[in-house]
PDB file of N, CA and C in Angstrom:
ATOM      1  N   MET A   1      25.029  -5.426  34.911  1.00  0.00           N
ATOM      2  CA  MET A   1      23.751  -5.499  34.261  1.00  0.00           C
ATOM      3  C   MET A   1      23.728  -4.472  33.131  1.00  0.00           C
ATOM      4  N   PRO A   2      23.329  -4.882  31.924  1.00  0.00           N
ATOM      5  CA  PRO A   2      23.295  -3.936  30.801  1.00  0.00           C
ATOM      6  C   PRO A   2      22.184  -2.907  30.973  1.00  0.00           C
ATOM      7  N   GLU A   3      22.436  -1.720  30.456  1.00  0.00           N
ATOM      8  CA  GLU A   3      21.441  -0.661  30.528  1.00  0.00           C
ATOM      9  C   GLU A   3      20.322  -0.933  29.536  1.00  0.00           C
ATOM     10  N   GLY A   4      19.136  -0.489  29.906  1.00  0.00           N
ATOM     11  CA  GLY A   4      17.995  -0.613  28.993  1.00  0.00           C
ATOM     12  C   GLY A   4      18.071   0.434  27.900  1.00  0.00           C
ATOM     13  N   GLN A   5      17.252   0.260  26.901  1.00  0.00           N
ATOM     14  CA  GLN A   5      17.231   1.197  25.779  1.00  0.00           C
ATOM     15  C   GLN A   5      15.832   1.786  25.672  1.00  0.00           C
ATOM     16  N   PHE A   6      15.750   3.109  25.618  1.00  0.00           N
ATOM     17  CA  PHE A   6      14.473   3.793  25.522  1.00  0.00           C
ATOM     18  C   PHE A   6      13.837   3.517  24.167  1.00  0.00           C
ATOM     19  N   THR A   7      12.568   3.229  24.204  1.00  0.00           N
ATOM     20  CA  THR A   7      11.791   3.052  22.981  1.00  0.00           C
ATOM     21  C   THR A   7      10.588   3.968  23.064  1.00  0.00           C
ATOM     22  N   ALA A   8      10.424   4.792  22.078  1.00  0.00           N
ATOM     23  CA  ALA A   8       9.270   5.689  22.039  1.00  0.00           C
ATOM     24  C   ALA A   8       8.060   4.873  21.606  1.00  0.00           C
ATOM     25  N   SER A   9       7.310   4.375  22.573  1.00  0.00           N
ATOM     26  CA  SER A   9       6.202   3.480  22.263  1.00  0.00           C
ATOM     27  C   SER A   9       5.049   4.183  21.567  1.00  0.00           C
ATOM     28  N   GLY A  10       4.978   5.499  21.646  1.00  0.00           N
ATOM     29  CA  GLY A  10       3.907   6.231  20.989  1.00  0.00           C
ATOM     30  C   GLY A  10       4.139   6.450  19.507  1.00  0.00           C
ATOM     31  N   GLU A  11       5.356   6.246  19.059  1.00  0.00           N
ATOM     32  CA  GLU A  11       5.660   6.413  17.635  1.00  0.00           C
ATOM     33  C   GLU A  11       5.372   5.103  16.922  1.00  0.00           C
ATOM     34  N   TYR A  12       4.567   5.187  15.901  1.00  0.00           N
ATOM     35  CA  TYR A  12       4.167   3.989  15.179  1.00  0.00           C
ATOM     36  C   TYR A  12       4.228   4.268  13.692  1.00  0.00           C
ATOM     37  N   THR A  13       4.808   3.372  12.962  1.00  0.00           N
ATOM     38  CA  THR A  13       4.795   3.464  11.506  1.00  0.00           C
ATOM     39  C   THR A  13       4.018   2.272  10.967  1.00  0.00           C
ATOM     40  N   THR A  14       3.478   2.427   9.822  1.00  0.00           N
ATOM     41  CA  THR A  14       2.588   1.444   9.241  1.00  0.00           C
ATOM     42  C   THR A  14       3.228   0.060   9.080  1.00  0.00           C
ATOM     43  N   ILE A  15       2.426  -0.956   9.270  1.00  0.00           N
ATOM     44  CA  ILE A  15       2.907  -2.322   9.071  1.00  0.00           C
ATOM     45  C   ILE A  15       3.130  -2.610   7.592  1.00  0.00           C
ATOM     46  N   GLN A  16       2.633  -1.739   6.743  1.00  0.00           N
ATOM     47  CA  GLN A  16       2.789  -1.919   5.304  1.00  0.00           C
ATOM     48  C   GLN A  16       4.264  -1.867   4.892  1.00  0.00           C
ATOM     49  N   ASN A  17       5.064  -1.138   5.657  1.00  0.00           N
ATOM     50  CA  ASN A  17       6.489  -1.040   5.331  1.00  0.00           C
ATOM     51  C   ASN A  17       7.231  -2.342   5.602  1.00  0.00           C
ATOM     52  N   GLY A  18       6.619  -3.260   6.337  1.00  0.00           N
ATOM     53  CA  GLY A  18       7.247  -4.536   6.629  1.00  0.00           C
ATOM     54  C   GLY A  18       6.966  -5.611   5.584  1.00  0.00           C
ATOM     55  N   PHE A  19       6.108  -5.310   4.644  1.00  0.00           N
ATOM     56  CA  PHE A  19       5.793  -6.289   3.610  1.00  0.00           C
ATOM     57  C   PHE A  19       6.878  -6.320   2.543  1.00  0.00           C
ATOM     58  N   PRO A  20       7.075  -7.460   1.898  1.00  0.00           N
ATOM     59  CA  PRO A  20       8.044  -7.516   0.795  1.00  0.00           C
ATOM     60  C   PRO A  20       7.642  -6.562  -0.333  1.00  0.00           C
ATOM     61  N   GLU A  21       8.609  -6.110  -1.076  1.00  0.00           N
ATOM     62  CA  GLU A  21       8.358  -5.136  -2.144  1.00  0.00           C
ATOM     63  C   GLU A  21       7.402  -5.662  -3.206  1.00  0.00           C
ATOM     64  N   THR A  22       7.328  -6.964  -3.373  1.00  0.00           N
ATOM     65  CA  THR A  22       6.454  -7.526  -4.408  1.00  0.00           C
ATOM     66  C   THR A  22       4.979  -7.235  -4.144  1.00  0.00           C
ATOM     67  N   TYR A  23       4.619  -6.940  -2.891  1.00  0.00           N
ATOM     68  CA  TYR A  23       3.227  -6.605  -2.580  1.00  0.00           C
ATOM     69  C   TYR A  23       2.869  -5.198  -3.052  1.00  0.00           C
ATOM     70  N   GLY A  24       3.865  -4.336  -3.185  1.00  0.00           N
ATOM     71  CA  GLY A  24       3.625  -2.987  -3.686  1.00  0.00           C
ATOM     72  C   GLY A  24       2.955  -2.057  -2.701  1.00  0.00           C
ATOM     73  N   VAL A  25       3.026  -2.357  -1.392  1.00  0.00           N
ATOM     74  CA  VAL A  25       2.357  -1.508  -0.406  1.00  0.00           C
ATOM     75  C   VAL A  25       3.343  -0.807   0.524  1.00  0.00           C
ATOM     76  N   GLY A  26       4.613  -1.060   0.387  1.00  0.00           N
ATOM     77  CA  GLY A  26       5.620  -0.514   1.286  1.00  0.00           C
ATOM     78  C   GLY A  26       6.107   0.853   0.867  1.00  0.00           C
ATOM     79  N   GLU A  27       7.310   1.154   1.281  1.00  0.00           N
ATOM     80  CA  GLU A  27       7.907   2.467   1.021  1.00  0.00           C
ATOM     81  C   GLU A  27       8.017   2.794  -0.462  1.00  0.00           C
ATOM     82  N   PHE A  28       8.310   1.800  -1.266  1.00  0.00           N
ATOM     83  CA  PHE A  28       8.605   2.057  -2.668  1.00  0.00           C
ATOM     84  C   PHE A  28       7.393   1.904  -3.579  1.00  0.00           C
ATOM     85  N   GLY A  29       6.344   1.256  -3.102  1.00  0.00           N
ATOM     86  CA  GLY A  29       5.143   1.097  -3.920  1.00  0.00           C
ATOM     87  C   GLY A  29       5.405   0.223  -5.135  1.00  0.00           C
ATOM     88  N   LEU A  30       4.607   0.423  -6.140  1.00  0.00           N
ATOM     89  CA  LEU A  30       4.747  -0.334  -7.392  1.00  0.00           C
ATOM     90  C   LEU A  30       5.445   0.513  -8.445  1.00  0.00           C
ATOM     91  N   SER A  31       5.935  -0.156  -9.439  1.00  0.00           N
ATOM     92  CA  SER A  31       6.542   0.526 -10.573  1.00  0.00           C
ATOM     93  C   SER A  31       5.468   1.309 -11.319  1.00  0.00           C
ATOM     94  N   PRO A  32       5.806   2.478 -11.834  1.00  0.00           N
ATOM     95  CA  PRO A  32       4.828   3.242 -12.620  1.00  0.00           C
ATOM     96  C   PRO A  32       4.315   2.466 -13.836  1.00  0.00           C
ATOM     97  N   SER A  33       5.099   1.506 -14.283  1.00  0.00           N
ATOM     98  CA  SER A  33       4.683   0.738 -15.459  1.00  0.00           C
ATOM     99  C   SER A  33       3.805  -0.464 -15.100  1.00  0.00           C
ATOM    100  N   ALA A  34       3.482  -0.635 -13.824  1.00  0.00           N
ATOM    101  CA  ALA A  34       2.625  -1.751 -13.416  1.00  0.00           C
ATOM    102  C   ALA A  34       1.223  -1.559 -13.991  1.00  0.00           C
ATOM    103  N   PRO A  35       0.577  -2.657 -14.368  1.00  0.00           N
ATOM    104  CA  PRO A  35      -0.777  -2.533 -14.929  1.00  0.00           C
ATOM    105  C   PRO A  35      -1.772  -1.987 -13.894  1.00  0.00           C
ATOM    106  N   ASP A  36      -2.831  -1.366 -14.384  1.00  0.00           N
ATOM    107  CA  ASP A  36      -3.832  -0.781 -13.496  1.00  0.00           C
ATOM    108  C   ASP A  36      -4.452  -1.814 -12.568  1.00  0.00           C
ATOM    109  N   SER A  37      -4.619  -3.038 -13.050  1.00  0.00           N
ATOM    110  CA  SER A  37      -5.216  -4.077 -12.204  1.00  0.00           C
ATOM    111  C   SER A  37      -4.304  -4.389 -11.013  1.00  0.00           C
ATOM    112  N   ARG A  38      -3.001  -4.374 -11.238  1.00  0.00           N
ATOM    113  CA  ARG A  38      -2.046  -4.639 -10.153  1.00  0.00           C
ATOM    114  C   ARG A  38      -2.023  -3.484  -9.158  1.00  0.00           C
ATOM    115  N   LYS A  39      -2.119  -2.259  -9.661  1.00  0.00           N
ATOM    116  CA  LYS A  39      -2.178  -1.093  -8.782  1.00  0.00           C
ATOM    117  C   LYS A  39      -3.449  -1.133  -7.927  1.00  0.00           C
ATOM    118  N   ALA A  40      -4.549  -1.565  -8.520  1.00  0.00           N
ATOM    119  CA  ALA A  40      -5.802  -1.675  -7.777  1.00  0.00           C
ATOM    120  C   ALA A  40      -5.681  -2.717  -6.670  1.00  0.00           C
ATOM    121  N   GLN A  41      -5.007  -3.829  -6.954  1.00  0.00           N
ATOM    122  CA  GLN A  41      -4.808  -4.855  -5.933  1.00  0.00           C
ATOM    123  C   GLN A  41      -3.982  -4.321  -4.765  1.00  0.00           C
ATOM    124  N   ALA A  42      -2.941  -3.564  -5.083  1.00  0.00           N
ATOM    125  CA  ALA A  42      -2.091  -3.000  -4.031  1.00  0.00           C
ATOM    126  C   ALA A  42      -2.882  -2.006  -3.187  1.00  0.00           C
ATOM    127  N   ARG A  43      -3.709  -1.175  -3.830  1.00  0.00           N
ATOM    128  CA  ARG A  43      -4.520  -0.211  -3.081  1.00  0.00           C
ATOM    129  C   ARG A  43      -5.544  -0.921  -2.196  1.00  0.00           C
ATOM    130  N   GLN A  44      -6.093  -2.018  -2.706  1.00  0.00           N
ATOM    131  CA  GLN A  44      -7.059  -2.771  -1.917  1.00  0.00           C
ATOM    132  C   GLN A  44      -6.397  -3.354  -0.666  1.00  0.00           C
ATOM    133  N   LEU A  45      -5.190  -3.877  -0.818  1.00  0.00           N
ATOM    134  CA  LEU A  45      -4.457  -4.402   0.338  1.00  0.00           C
ATOM    135  C   LEU A  45      -4.123  -3.278   1.314  1.00  0.00           C
ATOM    136  N   GLN A  46      -3.738  -2.120   0.804  1.00  0.00           N
ATOM    137  CA  GLN A  46      -3.449  -0.985   1.676  1.00  0.00           C
ATOM    138  C   GLN A  46      -4.682  -0.582   2.482  1.00  0.00           C
ATOM    139  N   ALA A  47      -5.828  -0.563   1.838  1.00  0.00           N
ATOM    140  CA  ALA A  47      -7.064  -0.204   2.533  1.00  0.00           C
ATOM    141  C   ALA A  47      -7.386  -1.234   3.617  1.00  0.00           C
ATOM    142  N   TYR A  48      -7.177  -2.497   3.321  1.00  0.00           N
ATOM    143  CA  TYR A  48      -7.417  -3.560   4.297  1.00  0.00           C
ATOM    144  C   TYR A  48      -6.480  -3.414   5.496  1.00  0.00           C
ATOM    145  N   LEU A  49      -5.212  -3.123   5.237  1.00  0.00           N
ATOM    146  CA  LEU A  49      -4.223  -3.010   6.306  1.00  0.00           C
ATOM    147  C   LEU A  49      -4.399  -1.741   7.133  1.00  0.00           C
ATOM    148  N   LEU A  50      -5.015  -0.720   6.554  1.00  0.00           N
ATOM    149  CA  LEU A  50      -5.213   0.540   7.276  1.00  0.00           C
ATOM    150  C   LEU A  50      -6.038   0.331   8.542  1.00  0.00           C
ATOM    151  N   PHE A  51      -7.018  -0.554   8.494  1.00  0.00           N
ATOM    152  CA  PHE A  51      -7.822  -0.860   9.671  1.00  0.00           C
ATOM    153  C   PHE A  51      -6.936  -1.329  10.821  1.00  0.00           C
ATOM    154  N   PHE A  52      -6.025  -2.251  10.549  1.00  0.00           N
ATOM    155  CA  PHE A  52      -5.132  -2.777  11.575  1.00  0.00           C
ATOM    156  C   PHE A  52      -4.094  -1.750  11.999  1.00  0.00           C
ATOM    157  N   ASP A  53      -3.638  -0.944  11.048  1.00  0.00           N
ATOM    158  CA  ASP A  53      -2.699   0.131  11.383  1.00  0.00           C
ATOM    159  C   ASP A  53      -3.306   1.084  12.401  1.00  0.00           C
ATOM    160  N   GLN A  54      -4.568   1.438  12.210  1.00  0.00           N
ATOM    161  CA  GLN A  54      -5.212   2.382  13.119  1.00  0.00           C
ATOM    162  C   GLN A  54      -5.360   1.785  14.512  1.00  0.00           C
ATOM    163  N   ILE A  55      -5.722   0.517  14.594  1.00  0.00           N
ATOM    164  CA  ILE A  55      -5.837  -0.144  15.893  1.00  0.00           C
ATOM    165  C   ILE A  55      -4.486  -0.156  16.601  1.00  0.00           C
ATOM    166  N   LEU A  56      -3.436  -0.521  15.885  1.00  0.00           N
ATOM    167  CA  LEU A  56      -2.108  -0.579  16.491  1.00  0.00           C
ATOM    168  C   LEU A  56      -1.599   0.801  16.883  1.00  0.00           C
ATOM    169  N   ALA A  57      -1.833   1.804  16.045  1.00  0.00           N
ATOM    170  CA  ALA A  57      -1.379   3.160  16.363  1.00  0.00           C
ATOM    171  C   ALA A  57      -2.070   3.673  17.624  1.00  0.00           C
ATOM    172  N   SER A  58      -3.363   3.427  17.741  1.00  0.00           N
ATOM    173  CA  SER A  58      -4.081   3.864  18.936  1.00  0.00           C
ATOM    174  C   SER A  58      -3.620   3.096  20.169  1.00  0.00           C
ATOM    175  N   TYR A  59      -3.366   1.810  20.004  1.00  0.00           N
ATOM    176  CA  TYR A  59      -2.875   0.999  21.119  1.00  0.00           C
ATOM    177  C   TYR A  59      -1.541   1.531  21.635  1.00  0.00           C
ATOM    178  N   PHE A  60      -0.613   1.823  20.736  1.00  0.00           N
ATOM    179  CA  PHE A  60       0.689   2.315  21.163  1.00  0.00           C
ATOM    180  C   PHE A  60       0.584   3.720  21.759  1.00  0.00           C
ATOM    181  N   SER A  61      -0.373   4.510  21.296  1.00  0.00           N
ATOM    182  CA  SER A  61      -0.596   5.816  21.894  1.00  0.00           C
ATOM    183  C   SER A  61      -1.086   5.657  23.334  1.00  0.00           C
ATOM    184  N   GLN A  62      -1.993   4.722  23.553  1.00  0.00           N
ATOM    185  CA  GLN A  62      -2.458   4.441  24.913  1.00  0.00           C
ATOM    186  C   GLN A  62      -1.310   3.930  25.777  1.00  0.00           C
ATOM    187  N   LEU A  63      -0.491   3.057  25.217  1.00  0.00           N
ATOM    188  CA  LEU A  63       0.631   2.484  25.952  1.00  0.00           C
ATOM    189  C   LEU A  63       1.617   3.559  26.388  1.00  0.00           C
ATOM    190  N   GLU A  64       1.857   4.522  25.517  1.00  0.00           N
ATOM    191  CA  GLU A  64       2.790   5.603  25.851  1.00  0.00           C
ATOM    192  C   GLU A  64       2.269   6.429  27.032  1.00  0.00           C
ATOM    193  N   MET A  65       0.967   6.537  27.160  1.00  0.00           N
ATOM    194  CA  MET A  65       0.378   7.380  28.194  1.00  0.00           C
ATOM    195  C   MET A  65      -0.110   6.576  29.390  1.00  0.00           C
ATOM    196  N   VAL A  66       0.346   5.347  29.549  1.00  0.00           N
ATOM    197  CA  VAL A  66      -0.137   4.500  30.631  1.00  0.00           C
ATOM    198  C   VAL A  66       0.163   5.094  32.002  1.00  0.00           C
ATOM    199  N   LYS A  67       1.226   5.834  32.112  1.00  0.00           N
ATOM    200  CA  LYS A  67       1.556   6.476  33.393  1.00  0.00           C
ATOM    201  C   LYS A  67       0.455   7.453  33.802  1.00  0.00           C
ATOM    202  N   GLU A  68      -0.026   8.247  32.836  1.00  0.00           N
ATOM    203  CA  GLU A  68      -1.101   9.190  33.135  1.00  0.00           C
ATOM    204  C   GLU A  68      -2.422   8.462  33.370  1.00  0.00           C
ATOM    205  N   LEU A  69      -2.642   7.397  32.644  1.00  0.00           N
ATOM    206  CA  LEU A  69      -3.890   6.646  32.797  1.00  0.00           C
ATOM    207  C   LEU A  69      -3.961   5.936  34.150  1.00  0.00           C
ATOM    208  N   ALA A  70      -2.836   5.440  34.607  1.00  0.00           N
ATOM    209  CA  ALA A  70      -2.803   4.676  35.852  1.00  0.00           C
ATOM    210  C   ALA A  70      -2.454   5.526  37.064  1.00  0.00           C
ATOM    211  N   GLY A  71      -2.114   6.774  36.847  1.00  0.00           N
ATOM    212  CA  GLY A  71      -1.716   7.643  37.955  1.00  0.00           C
ATOM    213  C   GLY A  71      -2.878   7.971  38.869  1.00  0.00           C
ATOM    214  N   SER A  72      -2.582   8.236  40.116  1.00  0.00           N
ATOM    215  CA  SER A  72      -3.624   8.526  41.107  1.00  0.00           C
ATOM    216  C   SER A  72      -4.268   9.892  40.884  1.00  0.00           C
ATOM    217  N   ARG A  73      -3.571  10.810  40.266  1.00  0.00           N
ATOM    218  CA  ARG A  73      -4.119  12.151  40.052  1.00  0.00           C
ATOM    219  C   ARG A  73      -5.189  12.167  38.966  1.00  0.00           C
ATOM    220  N   SER A  74      -5.132  11.217  38.061  1.00  0.00           N
ATOM    221  CA  SER A  74      -6.074  11.215  36.949  1.00  0.00           C
ATOM    222  C   SER A  74      -7.245  10.267  37.181  1.00  0.00           C
ATOM    223  N   TYR A  75      -7.470   9.901  38.430  1.00  0.00           N
ATOM    224  CA  TYR A  75      -8.495   8.898  38.748  1.00  0.00           C
ATOM    225  C   TYR A  75      -9.886   9.316  38.274  1.00  0.00           C
ATOM    226  N   HIS A  76     -10.234  10.584  38.438  1.00  0.00           N
ATOM    227  CA  HIS A  76     -11.580  11.034  38.102  1.00  0.00           C
ATOM    228  C   HIS A  76     -11.660  11.725  36.749  1.00  0.00           C
ATOM    229  N   GLN A  77     -10.570  11.760  36.034  1.00  0.00           N
ATOM    230  CA  GLN A  77     -10.567  12.438  34.740  1.00  0.00           C
ATOM    231  C   GLN A  77     -10.528  11.407  33.614  1.00  0.00           C
ATOM    232  N   PRO A  78     -11.505  11.454  32.706  1.00  0.00           N
ATOM    233  CA  PRO A  78     -11.466  10.510  31.587  1.00  0.00           C
ATOM    234  C   PRO A  78     -10.367  10.891  30.599  1.00  0.00           C
ATOM    235  N   HIS A  79      -9.731   9.904  30.029  1.00  0.00           N
ATOM    236  CA  HIS A  79      -8.645  10.145  29.073  1.00  0.00           C
ATOM    237  C   HIS A  79      -8.863   9.296  27.834  1.00  0.00           C
ATOM    238  N   LEU A  80      -8.517   9.853  26.714  1.00  0.00           N
ATOM    239  CA  LEU A  80      -8.493   9.106  25.471  1.00  0.00           C
ATOM    240  C   LEU A  80      -7.315   9.628  24.670  1.00  0.00           C
ATOM    241  N   PHE A  81      -6.424   8.755  24.311  1.00  0.00           N
ATOM    242  CA  PHE A  81      -5.256   9.139  23.537  1.00  0.00           C
ATOM    243  C   PHE A  81      -5.365   8.465  22.182  1.00  0.00           C
ATOM    244  N   TYR A  82      -5.329   9.250  21.147  1.00  0.00           N
ATOM    245  CA  TYR A  82      -5.525   8.775  19.784  1.00  0.00           C
ATOM    246  C   TYR A  82      -4.280   9.077  18.977  1.00  0.00           C
ATOM    247  N   ALA A  83      -3.957   8.190  18.079  1.00  0.00           N
ATOM    248  CA  ALA A  83      -2.823   8.438  17.189  1.00  0.00           C
ATOM    249  C   ALA A  83      -3.167   7.979  15.793  1.00  0.00           C
ATOM    250  N   GLY A  84      -2.738   8.729  14.829  1.00  0.00           N
ATOM    251  CA  GLY A  84      -2.888   8.322  13.447  1.00  0.00           C
ATOM    252  C   GLY A  84      -1.651   7.566  12.987  1.00  0.00           C
ATOM    253  N   CYS A  85      -1.742   6.962  11.850  1.00  0.00           N
ATOM    254  CA  CYS A  85      -0.620   6.198  11.297  1.00  0.00           C
ATOM    255  C   CYS A  85       0.297   7.131  10.523  1.00  0.00           C
ATOM    256  N   GLN A  86       1.566   6.853  10.590  1.00  0.00           N
ATOM    257  CA  GLN A  86       2.540   7.587   9.795  1.00  0.00           C
ATOM    258  C   GLN A  86       3.062   6.656   8.727  1.00  0.00           C
ATOM    259  N   ARG A  87       3.023   7.104   7.514  1.00  0.00           N
ATOM    260  CA  ARG A  87       3.535   6.286   6.427  1.00  0.00           C
ATOM    261  C   ARG A  87       4.787   6.957   5.899  1.00  0.00           C
ATOM    262  N   HIS A  88       5.891   6.284   6.020  1.00  0.00           N
ATOM    263  CA  HIS A  88       7.156   6.833   5.562  1.00  0.00           C
ATOM    264  C   HIS A  88       7.417   6.336   4.148  1.00  0.00           C
ATOM    265  N   GLN A  89       7.407   7.271   3.196  1.00  0.00           N
ATOM    266  CA  GLN A  89       7.699   6.920   1.813  1.00  0.00           C
ATOM    267  C   GLN A  89       8.825   7.790   1.319  1.00  0.00           C
ATOM    268  N   ARG A  90       9.596   7.220   0.466  1.00  0.00           N
ATOM    269  CA  ARG A  90      10.651   8.002  -0.179  1.00  0.00           C
ATOM    270  C   ARG A  90      10.083   8.632  -1.433  1.00  0.00           C
ATOM    271  N   HIS A  91      10.455   9.860  -1.647  1.00  0.00           N
ATOM    272  CA  HIS A  91       9.938  10.580  -2.830  1.00  0.00           C
ATOM    273  C   HIS A  91      10.996  10.657  -3.894  1.00  0.00           C
TER     274      HIS A  91
END
């Protein structure tokens, strides 16, 4: 039987990095020579996606701590695990 592979479920990077470069919201962004209207469109899409990024980041933070949430010792203690989004960009 093959061994499993550990995945750090609490680490989350933005879904914006998965978009094609033509959207201008990923790691590389838009060209500096792009028109202002195109830059505004990319920023608008980034703002729209941020809502979903935050939901997913918090979900994965909760998932990482499921052992503590479901454990018998934490039965009477309220827990909330929050995570922000990490955006990896090259400079």
